[in-house]
PDB file of all heavy atoms in Angstrom:
ATOM      1  N   PRO A   1     -11.633  -0.326   1.889  1.00  0.00           N
ATOM      2  CA  PRO A   1     -11.053  -1.222   0.894  1.00  0.00           C
ATOM      3  C   PRO A   1     -10.756  -0.489  -0.410  1.00  0.00           C
ATOM      4  O   PRO A   1     -11.274   0.606  -0.658  1.00  0.00           O
ATOM      5  CB  PRO A   1     -12.153  -2.265   0.694  1.00  0.00           C
ATOM      6  CG  PRO A   1     -13.420  -1.494   0.925  1.00  0.00           C
ATOM      7  CD  PRO A   1     -13.091  -0.476   1.994  1.00  0.00           C
ATOM      8  N   GLY A   2      -9.921  -1.086  -1.239  1.00  0.00           N
ATOM      9  CA  GLY A   2      -9.610  -0.479  -2.528  1.00  0.00           C
ATOM     10  C   GLY A   2      -8.682  -1.338  -3.339  1.00  0.00           C
ATOM     11  O   GLY A   2      -8.343  -2.467  -2.966  1.00  0.00           O
ATOM     12  N   HIS A   3      -8.297  -0.812  -4.497  1.00  0.00           N
ATOM     13  CA  HIS A   3      -7.368  -1.488  -5.398  1.00  0.00           C
ATOM     14  C   HIS A   3      -6.020  -0.782  -5.328  1.00  0.00           C
ATOM     15  O   HIS A   3      -5.941   0.427  -5.522  1.00  0.00           O
ATOM     16  CB  HIS A   3      -7.910  -1.468  -6.831  1.00  0.00           C
ATOM     17  CG  HIS A   3      -9.261  -2.095  -6.966  1.00  0.00           C
ATOM     18  ND1 HIS A   3     -10.424  -1.360  -6.837  1.00  0.00           N
ATOM     19  CD2 HIS A   3      -9.638  -3.391  -7.179  1.00  0.00           C
ATOM     20  CE1 HIS A   3     -11.462  -2.167  -7.002  1.00  0.00           C
ATOM     21  NE2 HIS A   3     -11.013  -3.409  -7.210  1.00  0.00           N
ATOM     22  N   ARG A   4      -5.006  -1.543  -5.080  1.00  0.00           N
ATOM     23  CA  ARG A   4      -3.671  -0.962  -4.905  1.00  0.00           C
ATOM     24  C   ARG A   4      -3.253  -0.105  -6.091  1.00  0.00           C
ATOM     25  O   ARG A   4      -2.706   0.983  -5.933  1.00  0.00           O
ATOM     26  CB  ARG A   4      -2.629  -2.078  -4.704  1.00  0.00           C
ATOM     27  CG  ARG A   4      -2.670  -2.722  -3.349  1.00  0.00           C
ATOM     28  CD  ARG A   4      -2.031  -4.102  -3.352  1.00  0.00           C
ATOM     29  NE  ARG A   4      -0.767  -4.133  -4.042  1.00  0.00           N
ATOM     30  CZ  ARG A   4       0.427  -3.919  -3.462  1.00  0.00           C
ATOM     31  NH1 ARG A   4       0.463  -3.668  -2.167  1.00  0.00           N
ATOM     32  NH2 ARG A   4       1.537  -3.993  -4.148  1.00  0.00           N
ATOM     33  N   ALA A   5      -3.489  -0.578  -7.293  1.00  0.00           N
ATOM     34  CA  ALA A   5      -3.042   0.146  -8.483  1.00  0.00           C
ATOM     35  C   ALA A   5      -3.725   1.505  -8.596  1.00  0.00           C
ATOM     36  O   ALA A   5      -3.094   2.505  -8.952  1.00  0.00           O
ATOM     37  CB  ALA A   5      -3.320  -0.688  -9.736  1.00  0.00           C
ATOM     38  N   VAL A   6      -5.017   1.569  -8.278  1.00  0.00           N
ATOM     39  CA  VAL A   6      -5.756   2.836  -8.374  1.00  0.00           C
ATOM     40  C   VAL A   6      -5.271   3.812  -7.310  1.00  0.00           C
ATOM     41  O   VAL A   6      -4.984   4.990  -7.591  1.00  0.00           O
ATOM     42  CB  VAL A   6      -7.271   2.586  -8.234  1.00  0.00           C
ATOM     43  CG1 VAL A   6      -8.027   3.918  -8.244  1.00  0.00           C
ATOM     44  CG2 VAL A   6      -7.764   1.687  -9.353  1.00  0.00           C
ATOM     45  N   LEU A   7      -5.190   3.318  -6.073  1.00  0.00           N
ATOM     46  CA  LEU A   7      -4.789   4.207  -4.986  1.00  0.00           C
ATOM     47  C   LEU A   7      -3.350   4.680  -5.139  1.00  0.00           C
ATOM     48  O   LEU A   7      -3.029   5.837  -4.857  1.00  0.00           O
ATOM     49  CB  LEU A   7      -4.962   3.485  -3.642  1.00  0.00           C
ATOM     50  CG  LEU A   7      -6.396   3.064  -3.294  1.00  0.00           C
ATOM     51  CD1 LEU A   7      -6.431   2.336  -1.955  1.00  0.00           C
ATOM     52  CD2 LEU A   7      -7.323   4.272  -3.268  1.00  0.00           C
ATOM     53  N   ALA A   8      -2.468   3.795  -5.581  1.00  0.00           N
ATOM     54  CA  ALA A   8      -1.073   4.190  -5.787  1.00  0.00           C
ATOM     55  C   ALA A   8      -0.947   5.210  -6.913  1.00  0.00           C
ATOM     56  O   ALA A   8      -0.087   6.092  -6.872  1.00  0.00           O
ATOM     57  CB  ALA A   8      -0.221   2.965  -6.092  1.00  0.00           C
ATOM     58  N   SER A   9      -1.809   5.105  -7.926  1.00  0.00           N
ATOM     59  CA  SER A   9      -1.775   6.073  -9.030  1.00  0.00           C
ATOM     60  C   SER A   9      -2.213   7.449  -8.580  1.00  0.00           C
ATOM     61  O   SER A   9      -1.749   8.470  -9.108  1.00  0.00           O
ATOM     62  CB  SER A   9      -2.684   5.593 -10.175  1.00  0.00           C
ATOM     63  OG  SER A   9      -2.239   4.352 -10.695  1.00  0.00           O
ATOM     64  N   ALA A  10      -3.115   7.511  -7.598  1.00  0.00           N
ATOM     65  CA  ALA A  10      -3.640   8.802  -7.140  1.00  0.00           C
ATOM     66  C   ALA A  10      -2.798   9.429  -6.040  1.00  0.00           C
ATOM     67  O   ALA A  10      -2.804  10.651  -5.873  1.00  0.00           O
ATOM     68  CB  ALA A  10      -5.076   8.629  -6.639  1.00  0.00           C
ATOM     69  N   SER A  11      -2.056   8.592  -5.271  1.00  0.00           N
ATOM     70  CA  SER A  11      -1.313   9.096  -4.111  1.00  0.00           C
ATOM     71  C   SER A  11       0.137   8.639  -4.148  1.00  0.00           C
ATOM     72  O   SER A  11       0.415   7.448  -3.957  1.00  0.00           O
ATOM     73  CB  SER A  11      -1.962   8.611  -2.812  1.00  0.00           C
ATOM     74  OG  SER A  11      -1.111   8.810  -1.710  1.00  0.00           O
ATOM     75  N   PRO A  12       1.096   9.563  -4.364  1.00  0.00           N
ATOM     76  CA  PRO A  12       2.515   9.189  -4.315  1.00  0.00           C
ATOM     77  C   PRO A  12       2.922   8.586  -2.970  1.00  0.00           C
ATOM     78  O   PRO A  12       3.793   7.721  -2.917  1.00  0.00           O
ATOM     79  CB  PRO A  12       3.239  10.517  -4.580  1.00  0.00           C
ATOM     80  CG  PRO A  12       2.247  11.337  -5.350  1.00  0.00           C
ATOM     81  CD  PRO A  12       0.904  10.943  -4.807  1.00  0.00           C
ATOM     82  N   HIS A  13       2.280   9.030  -1.896  1.00  0.00           N
ATOM     83  CA  HIS A  13       2.622   8.469  -0.581  1.00  0.00           C
ATOM     84  C   HIS A  13       2.225   6.998  -0.491  1.00  0.00           C
ATOM     85  O   HIS A  13       2.985   6.159   0.004  1.00  0.00           O
ATOM     86  CB  HIS A  13       1.938   9.264   0.521  1.00  0.00           C
ATOM     87  CG  HIS A  13       2.132   8.678   1.892  1.00  0.00           C
ATOM     88  ND1 HIS A  13       3.374   8.515   2.460  1.00  0.00           N
ATOM     89  CD2 HIS A  13       1.234   8.187   2.793  1.00  0.00           C
ATOM     90  CE1 HIS A  13       3.246   7.969   3.661  1.00  0.00           C
ATOM     91  NE2 HIS A  13       1.958   7.757   3.883  1.00  0.00           N
ATOM     92  N   LEU A  14       1.019   6.680  -0.969  1.00  0.00           N
ATOM     93  CA  LEU A  14       0.592   5.285  -0.956  1.00  0.00           C
ATOM     94  C   LEU A  14       1.434   4.448  -1.908  1.00  0.00           C
ATOM     95  O   LEU A  14       1.725   3.281  -1.631  1.00  0.00           O
ATOM     96  CB  LEU A  14      -0.889   5.187  -1.315  1.00  0.00           C
ATOM     97  CG  LEU A  14      -1.863   5.777  -0.279  1.00  0.00           C
ATOM     98  CD1 LEU A  14      -3.296   5.623  -0.757  1.00  0.00           C
ATOM     99  CD2 LEU A  14      -1.676   5.133   1.088  1.00  0.00           C
ATOM    100  N   MET A  15       1.825   5.019  -3.038  1.00  0.00           N
ATOM    101  CA  MET A  15       2.710   4.315  -3.956  1.00  0.00           C
ATOM    102  C   MET A  15       4.001   3.905  -3.251  1.00  0.00           C
ATOM    103  O   MET A  15       4.460   2.759  -3.355  1.00  0.00           O
ATOM    104  CB  MET A  15       3.031   5.213  -5.153  1.00  0.00           C
ATOM    105  CG  MET A  15       4.156   4.704  -6.055  1.00  0.00           C
ATOM    106  SD  MET A  15       3.694   3.271  -7.030  1.00  0.00           S
ATOM    107  CE  MET A  15       2.867   4.090  -8.394  1.00  0.00           C
ATOM    108  N   GLN A  16       4.580   4.822  -2.494  1.00  0.00           N
ATOM    109  CA  GLN A  16       5.807   4.520  -1.763  1.00  0.00           C
ATOM    110  C   GLN A  16       5.555   3.490  -0.660  1.00  0.00           C
ATOM    111  O   GLN A  16       6.351   2.572  -0.448  1.00  0.00           O
ATOM    112  CB  GLN A  16       6.378   5.802  -1.163  1.00  0.00           C
ATOM    113  CG  GLN A  16       7.685   5.611  -0.412  1.00  0.00           C
ATOM    114  CD  GLN A  16       8.207   6.918   0.180  1.00  0.00           C
ATOM    115  OE1 GLN A  16       7.529   7.938   0.146  1.00  0.00           O
ATOM    116  NE2 GLN A  16       9.408   6.882   0.720  1.00  0.00           N
ATOM    117  N   LEU A  17       4.433   3.628   0.028  1.00  0.00           N
ATOM    118  CA  LEU A  17       4.100   2.708   1.104  1.00  0.00           C
ATOM    119  C   LEU A  17       3.907   1.293   0.577  1.00  0.00           C
ATOM    120  O   LEU A  17       4.458   0.324   1.117  1.00  0.00           O
ATOM    121  CB  LEU A  17       2.832   3.186   1.825  1.00  0.00           C
ATOM    122  CG  LEU A  17       2.334   2.339   2.998  1.00  0.00           C
ATOM    123  CD1 LEU A  17       3.361   2.296   4.108  1.00  0.00           C
ATOM    124  CD2 LEU A  17       1.000   2.877   3.508  1.00  0.00           C
ATOM    125  N   PHE A  18       3.150   1.151  -0.514  1.00  0.00           N
ATOM    126  CA  PHE A  18       2.912  -0.166  -1.086  1.00  0.00           C
ATOM    127  C   PHE A  18       4.203  -0.775  -1.610  1.00  0.00           C
ATOM    128  O   PHE A  18       4.459  -1.980  -1.445  1.00  0.00           O
ATOM    129  CB  PHE A  18       1.886  -0.077  -2.221  1.00  0.00           C
ATOM    130  CG  PHE A  18       0.528   0.389  -1.801  1.00  0.00           C
ATOM    131  CD1 PHE A  18      -0.371   0.885  -2.734  1.00  0.00           C
ATOM    132  CD2 PHE A  18       0.124   0.335  -0.464  1.00  0.00           C
ATOM    133  CE1 PHE A  18      -1.633   1.314  -2.355  1.00  0.00           C
ATOM    134  CE2 PHE A  18      -1.131   0.767  -0.076  1.00  0.00           C
ATOM    135  CZ  PHE A  18      -2.011   1.267  -1.028  1.00  0.00           C
ATOM    136  N   SER A  19       5.024   0.038  -2.266  1.00  0.00           N
ATOM    137  CA  SER A  19       6.279  -0.461  -2.828  1.00  0.00           C
ATOM    138  C   SER A  19       7.212  -0.950  -1.734  1.00  0.00           C
ATOM    139  O   SER A  19       7.874  -1.983  -1.865  1.00  0.00           O
ATOM    140  CB  SER A  19       6.962   0.628  -3.656  1.00  0.00           C
ATOM    141  OG  SER A  19       6.130   1.052  -4.714  1.00  0.00           O
ATOM    142  N   THR A  20       7.269  -0.212  -0.638  1.00  0.00           N
ATOM    143  CA  THR A  20       8.131  -0.601   0.484  1.00  0.00           C
ATOM    144  C   THR A  20       7.685  -1.924   1.086  1.00  0.00           C
ATOM    145  O   THR A  20       8.497  -2.804   1.389  1.00  0.00           O
ATOM    146  CB  THR A  20       8.130   0.492   1.567  1.00  0.00           C
ATOM    147  OG1 THR A  20       8.563   1.719   0.990  1.00  0.00           O
ATOM    148  CG2 THR A  20       9.048   0.121   2.714  1.00  0.00           C
ATOM    149  N   GLU A  21       6.367  -2.082   1.239  1.00  0.00           N
ATOM    150  CA  GLU A  21       5.847  -3.325   1.804  1.00  0.00           C
ATOM    151  C   GLU A  21       6.094  -4.499   0.874  1.00  0.00           C
ATOM    152  O   GLU A  21       6.366  -5.614   1.307  1.00  0.00           O
ATOM    153  CB  GLU A  21       4.351  -3.178   2.097  1.00  0.00           C
ATOM    154  CG  GLU A  21       4.049  -2.261   3.273  1.00  0.00           C
ATOM    155  CD  GLU A  21       4.625  -2.788   4.575  1.00  0.00           C
ATOM    156  OE1 GLU A  21       4.661  -4.017   4.770  1.00  0.00           O
ATOM    157  OE2 GLU A  21       5.068  -1.962   5.398  1.00  0.00           O
ATOM    158  N   ASP A  22       6.000  -4.258  -0.455  1.00  0.00           N
ATOM    159  CA  ASP A  22       6.272  -5.322  -1.423  1.00  0.00           C
ATOM    160  C   ASP A  22       7.701  -5.820  -1.307  1.00  0.00           C
ATOM    161  O   ASP A  22       7.993  -7.013  -1.430  1.00  0.00           O
ATOM    162  CB  ASP A  22       6.001  -4.827  -2.842  1.00  0.00           C
ATOM    163  CG  ASP A  22       4.518  -4.862  -3.173  1.00  0.00           C
ATOM    164  OD1 ASP A  22       3.734  -5.373  -2.349  1.00  0.00           O
ATOM    165  OD2 ASP A  22       4.146  -4.370  -4.251  1.00  0.00           O
ATOM    166  N   GLU A  23       8.635  -4.877  -1.087  1.00  0.00           N
ATOM    167  CA  GLU A  23      10.039  -5.264  -0.951  1.00  0.00           C
ATOM    168  C   GLU A  23      10.261  -6.088   0.316  1.00  0.00           C
ATOM    169  O   GLU A  23      11.071  -7.012   0.345  1.00  0.00           O
ATOM    170  CB  GLU A  23      10.923  -4.023  -0.940  1.00  0.00           C
ATOM    171  CG  GLU A  23      10.944  -3.288  -2.266  1.00  0.00           C
ATOM    172  CD  GLU A  23      11.730  -1.988  -2.171  1.00  0.00           C
ATOM    173  OE1 GLU A  23      12.256  -1.701  -1.082  1.00  0.00           O
ATOM    174  OE2 GLU A  23      11.808  -1.284  -3.184  1.00  0.00           O
ATOM    175  N   LYS A  24       9.512  -5.772   1.351  1.00  0.00           N
ATOM    176  CA  LYS A  24       9.659  -6.498   2.610  1.00  0.00           C
ATOM    177  C   LYS A  24       9.016  -7.879   2.538  1.00  0.00           C
ATOM    178  O   LYS A  24       9.511  -8.837   3.128  1.00  0.00           O
ATOM    179  CB  LYS A  24       9.033  -5.692   3.762  1.00  0.00           C
ATOM    180  CG  LYS A  24       9.747  -4.396   4.089  1.00  0.00           C
ATOM    181  CD  LYS A  24       9.044  -3.693   5.236  1.00  0.00           C
ATOM    182  CE  LYS A  24       9.740  -2.392   5.596  1.00  0.00           C
ATOM    183  NZ  LYS A  24       9.035  -1.678   6.687  1.00  0.00           N
ATOM    184  N   ASN A  25       7.873  -7.969   1.842  1.00  0.00           N
ATOM    185  CA  ASN A  25       7.111  -9.215   1.804  1.00  0.00           C
ATOM    186  C   ASN A  25       6.972  -9.685   0.363  1.00  0.00           C
ATOM    187  O   ASN A  25       6.068  -9.249  -0.355  1.00  0.00           O
ATOM    188  CB  ASN A  25       5.723  -9.013   2.430  1.00  0.00           C
ATOM    189  CG  ASN A  25       5.809  -8.480   3.852  1.00  0.00           C
ATOM    190  OD1 ASN A  25       6.385  -9.116   4.719  1.00  0.00           O
ATOM    191  ND2 ASN A  25       5.234  -7.308   4.083  1.00  0.00           N
ATOM    192  N   SER A  26       7.869 -10.552  -0.066  1.00  0.00           N
ATOM    193  CA  SER A  26       7.832 -11.041  -1.446  1.00  0.00           C
ATOM    194  C   SER A  26       6.620 -11.929  -1.689  1.00  0.00           C
ATOM    195  O   SER A  26       6.062 -11.961  -2.787  1.00  0.00           O
ATOM    196  CB  SER A  26       9.123 -11.805  -1.760  1.00  0.00           C
ATOM    197  OG  SER A  26       9.299 -12.870  -0.836  1.00  0.00           O
ATOM    198  N   ASN A  27       6.174 -12.660  -0.662  1.00  0.00           N
ATOM    199  CA  ASN A  27       5.001 -13.526  -0.797  1.00  0.00           C
ATOM    200  C   ASN A  27       3.765 -12.781  -0.305  1.00  0.00           C
ATOM    201  O   ASN A  27       3.222 -13.039   0.771  1.00  0.00           O
ATOM    202  CB  ASN A  27       5.200 -14.821   0.002  1.00  0.00           C
ATOM    203  CG  ASN A  27       6.383 -15.620  -0.502  1.00  0.00           C
ATOM    204  OD1 ASN A  27       6.620 -15.671  -1.711  1.00  0.00           O
ATOM    205  ND2 ASN A  27       7.110 -16.250   0.417  1.00  0.00           N
ATOM    206  N   ARG A  28       3.328 -11.827  -1.086  1.00  0.00           N
ATOM    207  CA  ARG A  28       2.195 -10.992  -0.673  1.00  0.00           C
ATOM    208  C   ARG A  28       0.897 -11.764  -0.788  1.00  0.00           C
ATOM    209  O   ARG A  28       0.674 -12.502  -1.747  1.00  0.00           O
ATOM    210  CB  ARG A  28       2.144  -9.723  -1.534  1.00  0.00           C
ATOM    211  CG  ARG A  28       1.082  -8.740  -1.096  1.00  0.00           C
ATOM    212  CD  ARG A  28       1.208  -7.434  -1.855  1.00  0.00           C
ATOM    213  NE  ARG A  28       1.084  -7.650  -3.285  1.00  0.00           N
ATOM    214  CZ  ARG A  28      -0.092  -7.715  -3.917  1.00  0.00           C
ATOM    215  NH1 ARG A  28      -1.218  -7.625  -3.217  1.00  0.00           N
ATOM    216  NH2 ARG A  28      -0.140  -7.886  -5.215  1.00  0.00           N
ATOM    217  N   GLN A  29       0.014 -11.572   0.205  1.00  0.00           N
ATOM    218  CA  GLN A  29      -1.289 -12.216   0.181  1.00  0.00           C
ATOM    219  C   GLN A  29      -2.212 -11.520  -0.808  1.00  0.00           C
ATOM    220  O   GLN A  29      -1.914 -10.442  -1.320  1.00  0.00           O
ATOM    221  CB  GLN A  29      -1.902 -12.191   1.584  1.00  0.00           C
ATOM    222  CG  GLN A  29      -1.065 -12.904   2.645  1.00  0.00           C
ATOM    223  CD  GLN A  29      -1.651 -12.738   4.025  1.00  0.00           C
ATOM    224  OE1 GLN A  29      -2.620 -12.011   4.208  1.00  0.00           O
ATOM    225  NE2 GLN A  29      -1.066 -13.438   4.990  1.00  0.00           N
ATOM    226  N   ALA A  30      -3.353 -12.126  -1.055  1.00  0.00           N
ATOM    227  CA  ALA A  30      -4.308 -11.559  -2.016  1.00  0.00           C
ATOM    228  C   ALA A  30      -4.799 -10.196  -1.561  1.00  0.00           C
ATOM    229  O   ALA A  30      -4.926  -9.268  -2.363  1.00  0.00           O
ATOM    230  CB  ALA A  30      -5.480 -12.515  -2.211  1.00  0.00           C
ATOM    231  N   ILE A  31      -5.096 -10.060  -0.285  1.00  0.00           N
ATOM    232  CA  ILE A  31      -5.538  -8.783   0.268  1.00  0.00           C
ATOM    233  C   ILE A  31      -4.589  -8.401   1.398  1.00  0.00           C
ATOM    234  O   ILE A  31      -4.381  -9.183   2.326  1.00  0.00           O
ATOM    235  CB  ILE A  31      -6.983  -8.869   0.794  1.00  0.00           C
ATOM    236  CG1 ILE A  31      -7.950  -9.233  -0.345  1.00  0.00           C
ATOM    237  CG2 ILE A  31      -7.389  -7.540   1.417  1.00  0.00           C
ATOM    238  CD1 ILE A  31      -9.387  -9.360   0.092  1.00  0.00           C
ATOM    239  N   VAL A  32      -4.028  -7.207   1.303  1.00  0.00           N
ATOM    240  CA  VAL A  32      -3.061  -6.738   2.290  1.00  0.00           C
ATOM    241  C   VAL A  32      -3.650  -5.552   3.037  1.00  0.00           C
ATOM    242  O   VAL A  32      -4.262  -4.661   2.425  1.00  0.00           O
ATOM    243  CB  VAL A  32      -1.727  -6.341   1.627  1.00  0.00           C
ATOM    244  CG1 VAL A  32      -0.722  -5.883   2.677  1.00  0.00           C
ATOM    245  CG2 VAL A  32      -1.180  -7.503   0.825  1.00  0.00           C
ATOM    246  N   SER A  33      -3.469  -5.523   4.343  1.00  0.00           N
ATOM    247  CA  SER A  33      -3.948  -4.416   5.173  1.00  0.00           C
ATOM    248  C   SER A  33      -2.793  -3.485   5.508  1.00  0.00           C
ATOM    249  O   SER A  33      -1.683  -3.938   5.803  1.00  0.00           O
ATOM    250  CB  SER A  33      -4.578  -4.950   6.463  1.00  0.00           C
ATOM    251  OG  SER A  33      -5.723  -5.725   6.172  1.00  0.00           O
ATOM    252  N   TYR A  34      -3.078  -2.180   5.475  1.00  0.00           N
ATOM    253  CA  TYR A  34      -2.085  -1.162   5.828  1.00  0.00           C
ATOM    254  C   TYR A  34      -2.692  -0.256   6.898  1.00  0.00           C
ATOM    255  O   TYR A  34      -3.801   0.261   6.730  1.00  0.00           O
ATOM    256  CB  TYR A  34      -1.698  -0.313   4.614  1.00  0.00           C
ATOM    257  CG  TYR A  34      -0.958  -1.078   3.547  1.00  0.00           C
ATOM    258  CD1 TYR A  34      -1.653  -1.699   2.518  1.00  0.00           C
ATOM    259  CD2 TYR A  34       0.425  -1.172   3.576  1.00  0.00           C
ATOM    260  CE1 TYR A  34      -0.982  -2.401   1.532  1.00  0.00           C
ATOM    261  CE2 TYR A  34       1.107  -1.878   2.602  1.00  0.00           C
ATOM    262  CZ  TYR A  34       0.397  -2.489   1.580  1.00  0.00           C
ATOM    263  OH  TYR A  34       1.061  -3.195   0.611  1.00  0.00           O
ATOM    264  N   LYS A  35      -1.953  -0.054   7.955  1.00  0.00           N
ATOM    265  CA  LYS A  35      -2.389   0.854   9.014  1.00  0.00           C
ATOM    266  C   LYS A  35      -1.736   2.208   8.791  1.00  0.00           C
ATOM    267  O   LYS A  35      -0.514   2.325   8.759  1.00  0.00           O
ATOM    268  CB  LYS A  35      -2.016   0.304  10.388  1.00  0.00           C
ATOM    269  CG  LYS A  35      -2.530   1.168  11.536  1.00  0.00           C
ATOM    270  CD  LYS A  35      -2.184   0.563  12.889  1.00  0.00           C
ATOM    271  CE  LYS A  35      -2.720   1.416  14.028  1.00  0.00           C
ATOM    272  NZ  LYS A  35      -2.368   0.852  15.353  1.00  0.00           N
ATOM    273  N   LEU A  36      -2.574   3.233   8.627  1.00  0.00           N
ATOM    274  CA  LEU A  36      -2.083   4.590   8.407  1.00  0.00           C
ATOM    275  C   LEU A  36      -2.077   5.325   9.738  1.00  0.00           C
ATOM    276  O   LEU A  36      -3.135   5.545  10.340  1.00  0.00           O
ATOM    277  CB  LEU A  36      -2.963   5.326   7.396  1.00  0.00           C
ATOM    278  CG  LEU A  36      -3.061   4.697   6.000  1.00  0.00           C
ATOM    279  CD1 LEU A  36      -3.959   5.542   5.105  1.00  0.00           C
ATOM    280  CD2 LEU A  36      -1.684   4.544   5.383  1.00  0.00           C
ATOM    281  N   ASN A  37      -0.897   5.700  10.197  1.00  0.00           N
ATOM    282  CA  ASN A  37      -0.763   6.438  11.453  1.00  0.00           C
ATOM    283  C   ASN A  37      -0.571   7.913  11.159  1.00  0.00           C
ATOM    284  O   ASN A  37       0.192   8.282  10.276  1.00  0.00           O
ATOM    285  CB  ASN A  37       0.430   5.919  12.261  1.00  0.00           C
ATOM    286  CG  ASN A  37       0.259   4.455  12.638  1.00  0.00           C
ATOM    287  OD1 ASN A  37      -0.833   4.047  13.024  1.00  0.00           O
ATOM    288  ND2 ASN A  37       1.316   3.680  12.511  1.00  0.00           N
ATOM    289  N   GLY A  38      -1.254   8.732  11.891  1.00  0.00           N
ATOM    290  CA  GLY A  38      -1.124  10.167  11.682  1.00  0.00           C
ATOM    291  C   GLY A  38      -2.475  10.836  11.811  1.00  0.00           C
ATOM    292  O   GLY A  38      -3.419  10.289  12.392  1.00  0.00           O
ATOM    293  N   LEU A  39      -2.592  12.035  11.249  1.00  0.00           N
ATOM    294  CA  LEU A  39      -3.824  12.817  11.371  1.00  0.00           C
ATOM    295  C   LEU A  39      -4.796  12.467  10.247  1.00  0.00           C
ATOM    296  O   LEU A  39      -5.176  13.317   9.445  1.00  0.00           O
ATOM    297  CB  LEU A  39      -3.499  14.309  11.369  1.00  0.00           C
ATOM    298  CG  LEU A  39      -2.565  14.772  12.486  1.00  0.00           C
ATOM    299  CD1 LEU A  39      -2.248  16.248  12.346  1.00  0.00           C
ATOM    300  CD2 LEU A  39      -3.193  14.501  13.846  1.00  0.00           C
ATOM    301  N   TYR A  40      -5.174  11.188  10.175  1.00  0.00           N
ATOM    302  CA  TYR A  40      -6.125  10.734   9.166  1.00  0.00           C
ATOM    303  C   TYR A  40      -7.498  10.558   9.811  1.00  0.00           C
ATOM    304  O   TYR A  40      -7.637   9.831  10.802  1.00  0.00           O
ATOM    305  CB  TYR A  40      -5.696   9.395   8.564  1.00  0.00           C
ATOM    306  CG  TYR A  40      -4.432   9.453   7.740  1.00  0.00           C
ATOM    307  CD1 TYR A  40      -3.199   9.152   8.303  1.00  0.00           C
ATOM    308  CD2 TYR A  40      -4.471   9.797   6.403  1.00  0.00           C
ATOM    309  CE1 TYR A  40      -2.042   9.182   7.556  1.00  0.00           C
ATOM    310  CE2 TYR A  40      -3.318   9.833   5.636  1.00  0.00           C
ATOM    311  CZ  TYR A  40      -2.101   9.529   6.220  1.00  0.00           C
ATOM    312  OH  TYR A  40      -0.961   9.569   5.479  1.00  0.00           O
TER     313      TYR A  40
END
């Protein structure tokens, strides 16, 4: 878990990911889940 603003400030990739999801979902819920695919 975390705060979007903090994580987006530390990671340009997460900033882009969150911004893209915001554009897709204008009615964002209080807590949003993101699945990170790759070598994490």
